[in-house]
Each structure stands twice: as C-alpha cells, then as structure tokens.
Amino acid sequence: MDNDPGLVTTLLHRLSTTFKIRDLGPPSFFFGIETLTSGDCFLLSQRRYTQDILSCSSMTDCKALATPALVTQPATPSTDPFENPTQYRRIVGALQYLTITRPDLAYSVNRLCQFMHSPTDDHWSLLKRVLRYIKGTQDYGLRLRPSASSDLHAFFDSDWAGCPVDRKSTSGYAVFLGDNLVSRKQRTVARS
C-alpha cells in the first residue's frame, strides 16, 4: 500500500464505522520512544529516556566512552556485594527498555542482567561503563526506511561456553527485512 492520502482517508473512515478511533496525526512520542522523520526515513529514538537514566544514576556529567563493555574483562561474580542492589536492578531494568531502539547495547545489558540477583562492586563498575557509553551516544536510535527489497537476512553468532563461571554459551541473532532490523539478540544457554 502506498502513502496515497485518499486511501488513508478511506481506510480511517471504514475503521471508524466499526471502532471508536481518533486520528492523532503523524507519530511523535509514544511510550518514551520519539519518532523523528528525515526525508523518507524514521528514526526511533529514546534520547529523553536516556537522559532520564543518566539523571537518575547521577551520571549526567560523566565522561563519555566509545564502547559499552570491555571485551577482555569477563563479568564474574566477586565477593564484594554492591551496597545498593535495588539501584543496580532499577538502572539495569531501565537499560533493558532502552535496548528496544539501541541494539548496540543488547550484549552489554544482557551481561549485566545475569547478575541482578546479587550484584557486586565489579558489576556496578561495568554498569557505569555502559552509562558512560550511552552518555556519548544519546543520539543513536533505530532507523527505519522504505526498502526496495523484502528479502529476509538473518545473522547469528555464539560464544561457545563463554561464561567463565558456569561455562554457559550466549548466542545472539539479528534479522533484517530488507534494510530494516526487525528482530535481535536472544540468549540461549547450552551446556553440551
């Protein structure tokens, strides 16, 4: 279906005969996700939500980093429990919602979620690193645009027994419909 105004008006009229609907116009801000238009593209952004996360965690004036996680430093449980586990859980939960439009955060946030039951000072340091990364990437989002192709492409990767604590594997995937990301990251555990 094309963006023919006549067809859109007809569709809205037919829907209104059966359902109580209201045309709110072009999308702008919904559930913390802002829709920005640029030509024929949409950018789904959570910039305001990101600013709220940084504010709640007292990281608004932190120095930005270029990467969300140190690849060489494994997130292993240490013996020093974090003094405020509720704060850790609240911020990591907020970061989970942020991954809707920020697939670049999926792996790092997934790692942080693995320690929600008993976070330590080391995990808090890893969390602050992710917050410093989002400080410098607040304008990132999920771009959606018309695609000439409706081809489906899937990419998959796994780290075989990558967790040094329990030797579980983490796998992830990304599925694109044309040029648009439609599905991403799933944690799969395998012990074989």
C-alpha atoms as a PDB file:
ATOM      1  CA  MET A   1       0.000   0.000   0.000  1.00  0.00           C
ATOM      2  CA  ASP A   2       1.335   3.419  -0.952  1.00  0.00           C
ATOM      3  CA  ASN A   3       1.037   6.642   1.033  1.00  0.00           C
ATOM      4  CA  ASP A   4      -1.980   7.768  -1.007  1.00  0.00           C
ATOM      5  CA  PRO A   5      -3.910  10.282   1.152  1.00  0.00           C
ATOM      6  CA  GLY A   6      -7.215   9.174  -0.397  1.00  0.00           C
ATOM      7  CA  LEU A   7      -6.648   5.554   0.568  1.00  0.00           C
ATOM      8  CA  VAL A   8      -5.619   6.527   4.076  1.00  0.00           C
ATOM      9  CA  THR A   9      -8.769   8.657   4.493  1.00  0.00           C
ATOM     10  CA  THR A  10     -10.970   5.837   3.172  1.00  0.00           C
ATOM     11  CA  LEU A  11      -9.336   3.307   5.500  1.00  0.00           C
ATOM     12  CA  LEU A  12      -9.743   5.582   8.529  1.00  0.00           C
ATOM     13  CA  HIS A  13     -13.399   6.205   7.640  1.00  0.00           C
ATOM     14  CA  ARG A  14     -14.115   2.465   7.320  1.00  0.00           C
ATOM     15  CA  LEU A  15     -12.384   1.724  10.615  1.00  0.00           C
ATOM     16  CA  SER A  16     -14.359   4.490  12.363  1.00  0.00           C
ATOM     17  CA  THR A  17     -17.675   2.858  11.356  1.00  0.00           C
ATOM     18  CA  THR A  18     -16.736  -0.240  13.374  1.00  0.00           C
ATOM     19  CA  PHE A  19     -14.340   1.050  16.041  1.00  0.00           C
ATOM     20  CA  LYS A  20     -14.095   4.231  18.037  1.00  0.00           C
ATOM     21  CA  ILE A  21     -10.871   5.714  16.698  1.00  0.00           C
ATOM     22  CA  ARG A  22      -9.182   9.064  16.611  1.00  0.00           C
ATOM     23  CA  ASP A  23      -6.510  10.167  14.146  1.00  0.00           C
ATOM     24  CA  LEU A  24      -3.674  11.635  16.173  1.00  0.00           C
ATOM     25  CA  GLY A  25      -1.661  12.596  13.115  1.00  0.00           C
ATOM     26  CA  PRO A  26       1.904  11.594  12.474  1.00  0.00           C
ATOM     27  CA  PRO A  27       3.624   9.719  15.308  1.00  0.00           C
ATOM     28  CA  SER A  28       5.864  11.808  17.533  1.00  0.00           C
ATOM     29  CA  PHE A  29       6.304  10.448  21.072  1.00  0.00           C
ATOM     30  CA  PHE A  30       4.914   7.167  22.400  1.00  0.00           C
ATOM     31  CA  PHE A  31       5.975   5.100  25.474  1.00  0.00           C
ATOM     32  CA  GLY A  32       9.223   7.027  25.745  1.00  0.00           C
ATOM     33  CA  ILE A  33      10.106   6.477  22.091  1.00  0.00           C
ATOM     34  CA  GLU A  34      10.372   9.549  19.914  1.00  0.00           C
ATOM     35  CA  THR A  35       9.762   9.254  16.165  1.00  0.00           C
ATOM     36  CA  LEU A  36      11.914  11.630  14.146  1.00  0.00           C
ATOM     37  CA  THR A  37      11.436  11.930  10.390  1.00  0.00           C
ATOM     38  CA  SER A  38      14.151  12.719   7.916  1.00  0.00           C
ATOM     39  CA  GLY A  39      13.056  12.516   4.310  1.00  0.00           C
ATOM     40  CA  ASP A  40      11.567   9.066   3.806  1.00  0.00           C
ATOM     41  CA  CYS A  41      13.239   7.621   6.936  1.00  0.00           C
ATOM     42  CA  PHE A  42      12.080   7.312  10.519  1.00  0.00           C
ATOM     43  CA  LEU A  43      14.450   7.316  13.460  1.00  0.00           C
ATOM     44  CA  LEU A  44      13.101   5.750  16.636  1.00  0.00           C
ATOM     45  CA  SER A  45      14.971   7.458  19.450  1.00  0.00           C
ATOM     46  CA  GLN A  46      14.886   7.273  23.230  1.00  0.00           C
ATOM     47  CA  ARG A  47      17.054  10.337  23.820  1.00  0.00           C
ATOM     48  CA  ARG A  48      14.825  11.754  26.581  1.00  0.00           C
ATOM     49  CA  TYR A  49      14.642   8.354  28.261  1.00  0.00           C
ATOM     50  CA  THR A  50      18.444   8.098  28.068  1.00  0.00           C
ATOM     51  CA  GLN A  51      18.769  11.492  29.736  1.00  0.00           C
ATOM     52  CA  ASP A  52      16.396  10.337  32.489  1.00  0.00           C
ATOM     53  CA  ILE A  53      18.505   7.212  33.105  1.00  0.00           C
ATOM     54  CA  LEU A  54      21.686   9.286  33.319  1.00  0.00           C
ATOM     55  CA  SER A  55      19.988  11.745  35.667  1.00  0.00           C
ATOM     56  CA  CYS A  56      18.611   9.031  37.993  1.00  0.00           C
ATOM     57  CA  SER A  57      22.029   7.411  38.219  1.00  0.00           C
ATOM     58  CA  SER A  58      23.829  10.752  38.803  1.00  0.00           C
ATOM     59  CA  MET A  59      25.877  10.270  35.613  1.00  0.00           C
ATOM     60  CA  THR A  60      24.783  13.345  33.622  1.00  0.00           C
ATOM     61  CA  ASP A  61      28.231  14.927  33.870  1.00  0.00           C
ATOM     62  CA  CYS A  62      30.275  11.766  33.315  1.00  0.00           C
ATOM     63  CA  LYS A  63      32.953  11.410  30.671  1.00  0.00           C
ATOM     64  CA  ALA A  64      31.720   9.555  27.579  1.00  0.00           C
ATOM     65  CA  LEU A  65      33.290   6.312  26.373  1.00  0.00           C
ATOM     66  CA  ALA A  66      33.477   4.829  22.865  1.00  0.00           C
ATOM     67  CA  THR A  67      32.471   1.256  23.768  1.00  0.00           C
ATOM     68  CA  PRO A  68      29.884  -0.128  26.203  1.00  0.00           C
ATOM     69  CA  ALA A  69      31.970  -3.011  27.562  1.00  0.00           C
ATOM     70  CA  LEU A  70      35.498  -4.248  27.892  1.00  0.00           C
ATOM     71  CA  VAL A  71      35.687  -7.398  25.824  1.00  0.00           C
ATOM     72  CA  THR A  72      38.781  -8.627  27.641  1.00  0.00           C
ATOM     73  CA  GLN A  73      37.294  -8.267  31.145  1.00  0.00           C
ATOM     74  CA  PRO A  74      34.804 -11.037  31.983  1.00  0.00           C
ATOM     75  CA  ALA A  75      31.856 -10.202  34.224  1.00  0.00           C
ATOM     76  CA  THR A  76      32.475 -12.680  37.004  1.00  0.00           C
ATOM     77  CA  PRO A  77      30.904 -12.635  40.434  1.00  0.00           C
ATOM     78  CA  SER A  78      33.223 -11.214  43.059  1.00  0.00           C
ATOM     79  CA  THR A  79      32.948 -11.306  46.825  1.00  0.00           C
ATOM     80  CA  ASP A  80      32.254  -7.591  47.439  1.00  0.00           C
ATOM     81  CA  PRO A  81      28.462  -7.140  47.302  1.00  0.00           C
ATOM     82  CA  PHE A  82      27.227  -3.819  45.952  1.00  0.00           C
ATOM     83  CA  GLU A  83      25.797  -1.661  48.743  1.00  0.00           C
ATOM     84  CA  ASN A  84      22.570  -0.788  46.894  1.00  0.00           C
ATOM     85  CA  PRO A  85      21.348  -3.758  44.809  1.00  0.00           C
ATOM     86  CA  THR A  86      17.939  -2.115  44.290  1.00  0.00           C
ATOM     87  CA  GLN A  87      19.573   0.798  42.489  1.00  0.00           C
ATOM     88  CA  TYR A  88      21.561  -1.627  40.320  1.00  0.00           C
ATOM     89  CA  ARG A  89      18.400  -3.557  39.381  1.00  0.00           C
ATOM     90  CA  ARG A  90      16.450  -0.366  38.667  1.00  0.00           C
ATOM     91  CA  ILE A  91      19.093   1.024  36.311  1.00  0.00           C
ATOM     92  CA  VAL A  92      19.703  -2.295  34.531  1.00  0.00           C
ATOM     93  CA  GLY A  93      15.931  -2.698  34.092  1.00  0.00           C
ATOM     94  CA  ALA A  94      15.784   0.771  32.547  1.00  0.00           C
ATOM     95  CA  LEU A  95      18.640  -0.171  30.217  1.00  0.00           C
ATOM     96  CA  GLN A  96      16.695  -3.256  29.132  1.00  0.00           C
ATOM     97  CA  TYR A  97      13.900  -0.996  27.885  1.00  0.00           C
ATOM     98  CA  LEU A  98      16.468   1.183  26.126  1.00  0.00           C
ATOM     99  CA  THR A  99      17.605  -1.793  24.011  1.00  0.00           C
ATOM    100  CA  ILE A 100      14.334  -1.531  22.055  1.00  0.00           C
ATOM    101  CA  THR A 101      15.901   1.216  19.953  1.00  0.00           C
ATOM    102  CA  ARG A 102      19.536   0.549  20.856  1.00  0.00           C
ATOM    103  CA  PRO A 103      20.550  -2.949  19.704  1.00  0.00           C
ATOM    104  CA  ASP A 104      24.188  -1.879  20.217  1.00  0.00           C
ATOM    105  CA  LEU A 105      23.542  -2.199  23.967  1.00  0.00           C
ATOM    106  CA  ALA A 106      21.948  -5.655  23.906  1.00  0.00           C
ATOM    107  CA  TYR A 107      25.051  -7.696  24.696  1.00  0.00           C
ATOM    108  CA  SER A 108      26.319  -5.438  27.495  1.00  0.00           C
ATOM    109  CA  VAL A 109      22.905  -5.128  29.135  1.00  0.00           C
ATOM    110  CA  ASN A 110      22.396  -8.890  28.889  1.00  0.00           C
ATOM    111  CA  ARG A 111      25.683  -9.414  30.724  1.00  0.00           C
ATOM    112  CA  LEU A 112      24.585  -7.010  33.471  1.00  0.00           C
ATOM    113  CA  CYS A 113      21.227  -8.792  33.799  1.00  0.00           C
ATOM    114  CA  GLN A 114      22.970 -12.059  34.574  1.00  0.00           C
ATOM    115  CA  PHE A 115      23.994 -10.639  37.957  1.00  0.00           C
ATOM    116  CA  MET A 116      20.767  -8.919  39.047  1.00  0.00           C
ATOM    117  CA  HIS A 117      20.221 -11.397  41.914  1.00  0.00           C
ATOM    118  CA  SER A 118      23.476 -10.421  43.681  1.00  0.00           C
ATOM    119  CA  PRO A 119      25.358  -7.530  42.072  1.00  0.00           C
ATOM    120  CA  THR A 120      28.857  -6.699  43.268  1.00  0.00           C
ATOM    121  CA  ASP A 121      31.056  -3.617  43.118  1.00  0.00           C
ATOM    122  CA  ASP A 122      32.638  -5.028  39.937  1.00  0.00           C
ATOM    123  CA  HIS A 123      29.216  -5.271  38.286  1.00  0.00           C
ATOM    124  CA  TRP A 124      28.440  -1.708  39.348  1.00  0.00           C
ATOM    125  CA  SER A 125      31.659  -0.607  37.612  1.00  0.00           C
ATOM    126  CA  LEU A 126      30.597  -2.429  34.437  1.00  0.00           C
ATOM    127  CA  LEU A 127      27.175  -0.756  34.665  1.00  0.00           C
ATOM    128  CA  LYS A 128      28.768   2.683  34.997  1.00  0.00           C
ATOM    129  CA  ARG A 129      30.834   1.939  31.881  1.00  0.00           C
ATOM    130  CA  VAL A 130      27.618   1.277  29.911  1.00  0.00           C
ATOM    131  CA  LEU A 131      26.165   4.531  31.260  1.00  0.00           C
ATOM    132  CA  ARG A 132      29.283   6.408  30.157  1.00  0.00           C
ATOM    133  CA  TYR A 133      28.854   4.882  26.692  1.00  0.00           C
ATOM    134  CA  ILE A 134      25.226   5.977  26.390  1.00  0.00           C
ATOM    135  CA  LYS A 135      26.271   9.466  27.545  1.00  0.00           C
ATOM    136  CA  GLY A 136      28.252   9.807  24.307  1.00  0.00           C
ATOM    137  CA  THR A 137      25.685   8.078  22.079  1.00  0.00           C
ATOM    138  CA  GLN A 138      22.405   9.682  23.126  1.00  0.00           C
ATOM    139  CA  ASP A 139      21.516  10.483  19.517  1.00  0.00           C
ATOM    140  CA  TYR A 140      21.663   6.830  18.441  1.00  0.00           C
ATOM    141  CA  GLY A 141      18.429   5.094  17.548  1.00  0.00           C
ATOM    142  CA  LEU A 142      16.789   2.586  15.269  1.00  0.00           C
ATOM    143  CA  ARG A 143      16.442   3.764  11.676  1.00  0.00           C
ATOM    144  CA  LEU A 144      13.521   2.534   9.585  1.00  0.00           C
ATOM    145  CA  ARG A 145      13.246   3.354   5.910  1.00  0.00           C
ATOM    146  CA  PRO A 146      11.445   2.133   2.826  1.00  0.00           C
ATOM    147  CA  SER A 147      13.337  -0.728   1.274  1.00  0.00           C
ATOM    148  CA  ALA A 148      13.255  -1.770  -2.361  1.00  0.00           C
ATOM    149  CA  SER A 149      13.813  -5.331  -1.217  1.00  0.00           C
ATOM    150  CA  SER A 150      11.703  -7.512   1.026  1.00  0.00           C
ATOM    151  CA  ASP A 151      14.488 -10.074   1.388  1.00  0.00           C
ATOM    152  CA  LEU A 152      14.927 -11.619   4.795  1.00  0.00           C
ATOM    153  CA  HIS A 153      18.509 -11.833   6.111  1.00  0.00           C
ATOM    154  CA  ALA A 154      19.476 -13.425   9.407  1.00  0.00           C
ATOM    155  CA  PHE A 155      22.815 -13.280  11.212  1.00  0.00           C
ATOM    156  CA  PHE A 156      23.750 -15.495  14.145  1.00  0.00           C
ATOM    157  CA  ASP A 157      26.705 -15.746  16.478  1.00  0.00           C
ATOM    158  CA  SER A 158      27.561 -17.636  19.655  1.00  0.00           C
ATOM    159  CA  ASP A 159      30.395 -17.760  22.147  1.00  0.00           C
ATOM    160  CA  TRP A 160      30.879 -21.415  22.928  1.00  0.00           C
ATOM    161  CA  ALA A 161      30.967 -21.803  26.728  1.00  0.00           C
ATOM    162  CA  GLY A 162      31.830 -18.107  27.045  1.00  0.00           C
ATOM    163  CA  CYS A 163      30.852 -17.590  30.680  1.00  0.00           C
ATOM    164  CA  PRO A 164      33.863 -18.374  32.882  1.00  0.00           C
ATOM    165  CA  VAL A 165      31.638 -19.042  35.905  1.00  0.00           C
ATOM    166  CA  ASP A 166      29.191 -21.687  34.653  1.00  0.00           C
ATOM    167  CA  ARG A 167      30.551 -22.365  31.123  1.00  0.00           C
ATOM    168  CA  LYS A 168      27.198 -21.460  29.531  1.00  0.00           C
ATOM    169  CA  SER A 169      27.085 -20.187  25.975  1.00  0.00           C
ATOM    170  CA  THR A 170      25.454 -16.948  24.915  1.00  0.00           C
ATOM    171  CA  SER A 171      24.107 -16.641  21.403  1.00  0.00           C
ATOM    172  CA  GLY A 172      22.502 -13.785  19.569  1.00  0.00           C
ATOM    173  CA  TYR A 173      20.850 -13.091  16.271  1.00  0.00           C
ATOM    174  CA  ALA A 174      19.714 -10.204  14.111  1.00  0.00           C
ATOM    175  CA  VAL A 175      17.026 -10.459  11.440  1.00  0.00           C
ATOM    176  CA  PHE A 176      16.636  -7.824   8.745  1.00  0.00           C
ATOM    177  CA  LEU A 177      13.609  -7.378   6.478  1.00  0.00           C
ATOM    178  CA  GLY A 178      15.104  -5.511   3.553  1.00  0.00           C
ATOM    179  CA  ASP A 179      17.301  -2.857   5.157  1.00  0.00           C
ATOM    180  CA  ASN A 180      15.416  -2.722   8.472  1.00  0.00           C
ATOM    181  CA  LEU A 181      16.240  -4.578  11.677  1.00  0.00           C
ATOM    182  CA  VAL A 182      13.126  -6.429  12.820  1.00  0.00           C
ATOM    183  CA  SER A 183      14.431  -8.811  15.484  1.00  0.00           C
ATOM    184  CA  ARG A 184      17.597  -9.117  17.531  1.00  0.00           C
ATOM    185  CA  LYS A 185      19.546 -10.818  20.340  1.00  0.00           C
ATOM    186  CA  GLN A 186      18.359 -13.822  22.196  1.00  0.00           C
ATOM    187  CA  ARG A 187      20.238 -15.509  24.991  1.00  0.00           C
ATOM    188  CA  THR A 188      20.436 -19.237  24.539  1.00  0.00           C
ATOM    189  CA  VAL A 189      22.058 -21.475  27.087  1.00  0.00           C
ATOM    190  CA  ALA A 190      23.816 -24.665  26.062  1.00  0.00           C
ATOM    191  CA  ARG A 191      25.938 -26.901  28.249  1.00  0.00           C
ATOM    192  CA  SER A 192      26.940 -29.512  25.669  1.00  0.00           C
END
